[in-house]
Amino acid sequence: MIAGLLRLLFSFQGRIRRRDFWLGEIAITVILYVTIVAAAVFGGGPVRGEDQLMLVLSVLFELAVLVLSFWASVALRVKRWHDRDKSGFWVLIAFIPVLGGLWELIELGFLDGTSGDNNYGRSPKWLPELEFA
């Protein structure tokens, strides 16, 4: 289960279903918001000399969460593009203002993947080892 979850979040190979894409993106968003709120609640006062180490550790932790979240989100999107039988480089479409994000939302979030096998592997709908729930 842990190996499958790590493969889901950090590997750029293979395909994933819409369900796994949405669950992964929601989990990443929740983790980011919890980290931001915790930083605001626990780090919101003036910093004294003895608190500087805690501030540095807090900033490093937040930076690590941000980098890991970004990596996981890109990995989910690449695998979802693969499920649509398109190259992972399609993640770059998100950099086109408005239209790119909308295109990505429709393609990755709402359209079904390629039925059966494609250039990026077997259909994830029939692979029980990809079940994460």
Protein backbone atom coordinates (compact mmCIF):
# COMPACT_ATOMS: atom_id res chain seq x y z
CA MET A 1 0.00 0.00 0.00
CA ILE A 2 2.77 2.50 0.94
CA ALA A 3 4.80 1.60 -2.16
CA GLY A 4 1.71 2.13 -4.32
CA LEU A 5 1.01 5.49 -2.71
CA LEU A 6 4.62 6.60 -3.21
CA ARG A 7 4.47 5.45 -6.84
CA LEU A 8 1.21 7.37 -7.28
CA LEU A 9 2.61 10.60 -5.87
CA PHE A 10 6.23 10.62 -7.02
CA SER A 11 6.60 8.53 -10.19
CA PHE A 12 6.15 10.00 -13.66
CA GLN A 13 5.55 6.64 -15.35
CA GLY A 14 2.30 4.88 -16.10
CA ARG A 15 -1.32 5.93 -16.07
CA ILE A 16 -3.89 6.81 -13.43
CA ARG A 17 -7.65 7.08 -13.33
CA ARG A 18 -9.60 10.29 -12.83
CA ARG A 19 -10.56 9.09 -9.34
CA ASP A 20 -6.92 8.72 -8.29
CA PHE A 21 -6.07 12.08 -9.86
CA TRP A 22 -8.83 13.88 -7.93
CA LEU A 23 -8.08 12.11 -4.64
CA GLY A 24 -4.37 12.93 -4.98
CA GLU A 25 -4.99 16.58 -5.84
CA ILE A 26 -7.46 16.98 -2.96
CA ALA A 27 -5.03 15.39 -0.50
CA ILE A 28 -2.19 17.65 -1.69
CA THR A 29 -4.41 20.73 -1.35
CA VAL A 30 -5.48 19.77 2.18
CA ILE A 31 -1.87 19.18 3.25
CA LEU A 32 -0.82 22.55 1.82
CA TYR A 33 -3.65 24.42 3.58
CA VAL A 34 -3.00 22.68 6.91
CA THR A 35 0.68 23.61 6.63
CA ILE A 36 -0.13 27.24 5.82
CA VAL A 37 -2.64 27.55 8.66
CA ALA A 38 -0.26 25.89 11.14
CA ALA A 39 2.51 28.27 10.11
CA ALA A 40 0.21 31.26 10.56
CA VAL A 41 -1.06 30.09 13.95
CA PHE A 42 2.23 28.99 15.47
CA GLY A 43 4.59 31.48 13.85
CA GLY A 44 2.52 34.64 13.98
CA GLY A 45 4.32 36.59 16.70
CA PRO A 46 7.53 38.58 16.98
CA VAL A 47 10.70 36.51 16.80
CA ARG A 48 13.04 36.64 19.78
CA GLY A 49 16.63 35.43 19.76
CA GLU A 50 15.82 31.96 21.12
CA ASP A 51 12.98 31.51 18.62
CA GLN A 52 15.12 32.04 15.55
CA LEU A 53 16.05 28.36 15.29
CA MET A 54 12.39 27.38 15.41
CA LEU A 55 11.61 29.96 12.73
CA VAL A 56 14.33 28.59 10.46
CA LEU A 57 13.14 25.01 11.01
CA SER A 58 9.56 26.06 10.34
CA VAL A 59 10.48 27.78 7.09
CA LEU A 60 12.53 24.76 5.97
CA PHE A 61 9.63 22.44 6.79
CA GLU A 62 7.19 24.61 4.84
CA LEU A 63 9.58 24.76 1.90
CA ALA A 64 9.94 20.96 1.93
CA VAL A 65 6.16 20.51 1.99
CA LEU A 66 5.80 22.97 -0.89
CA VAL A 67 8.44 21.23 -3.04
CA LEU A 68 7.05 17.74 -2.35
CA SER A 69 3.50 18.94 -3.06
CA PHE A 70 4.55 20.51 -6.35
CA TRP A 71 6.41 17.34 -7.39
CA ALA A 72 3.44 15.12 -6.48
CA SER A 73 0.99 17.36 -8.33
CA VAL A 74 3.11 17.34 -11.48
CA ALA A 75 3.51 13.54 -11.24
CA LEU A 76 -0.27 13.10 -10.97
CA ARG A 77 -0.83 15.35 -13.96
CA VAL A 78 1.81 13.61 -16.11
CA LYS A 79 0.25 10.21 -15.41
CA ARG A 80 -3.19 11.58 -16.15
CA TRP A 81 -1.97 12.96 -19.49
CA HIS A 82 -0.52 9.52 -20.17
CA ASP A 83 -3.96 8.04 -19.52
CA ARG A 84 -5.28 10.39 -22.21
CA ASP A 85 -2.50 8.95 -24.49
CA LYS A 86 -0.61 12.23 -24.58
CA SER A 87 2.92 13.12 -23.60
CA GLY A 88 3.63 14.32 -20.09
CA PHE A 89 4.92 17.55 -21.60
CA TRP A 90 1.26 18.56 -21.92
CA VAL A 91 1.56 19.73 -18.28
CA LEU A 92 3.13 22.87 -19.77
CA ILE A 93 -0.25 23.88 -21.20
CA ALA A 94 -1.13 25.12 -17.72
CA PHE A 95 1.21 28.09 -18.30
CA ILE A 96 -1.14 29.51 -20.93
CA PRO A 97 -3.27 32.04 -19.02
CA VAL A 98 -6.92 31.04 -18.46
CA LEU A 99 -7.24 28.77 -21.50
CA GLY A 100 -4.45 26.42 -20.41
CA GLY A 101 -5.85 25.83 -16.93
CA LEU A 102 -9.36 25.31 -18.30
CA TRP A 103 -8.07 22.88 -20.96
CA GLU A 104 -6.14 20.95 -18.33
CA LEU A 105 -9.13 20.82 -15.99
CA ILE A 106 -11.40 19.43 -18.70
CA GLU A 107 -8.88 16.93 -20.10
CA LEU A 108 -7.53 15.63 -16.81
CA GLY A 109 -10.47 16.06 -14.51
CA PHE A 110 -13.49 15.22 -16.60
CA LEU A 111 -12.61 13.26 -19.74
CA ASP A 112 -12.13 9.51 -19.63
CA GLY A 113 -8.75 7.98 -20.41
CA THR A 114 -7.91 5.85 -23.40
CA SER A 115 -9.76 2.55 -23.20
CA GLY A 116 -7.44 -0.42 -23.19
CA ASP A 117 -3.70 -0.25 -23.56
CA ASN A 118 -1.94 2.79 -25.00
CA ASN A 119 1.65 3.99 -25.49
CA TYR A 120 2.06 4.54 -21.73
CA GLY A 121 0.84 1.22 -20.37
CA ARG A 122 -2.19 -0.83 -19.51
CA SER A 123 -5.51 0.69 -18.58
CA PRO A 124 -5.52 1.58 -14.87
CA LYS A 125 -9.18 0.60 -14.59
CA TRP A 126 -8.27 -3.06 -14.56
CA LEU A 127 -5.09 -3.05 -12.48
CA PRO A 128 -5.95 -4.00 -8.88
CA GLU A 129 -2.45 -3.12 -7.63
CA LEU A 130 -3.23 0.56 -8.31
CA GLU A 131 -6.10 0.61 -5.83
CA PHE A 132 -5.24 3.02 -3.01
CA ALA A 133 -8.51 3.19 -1.11
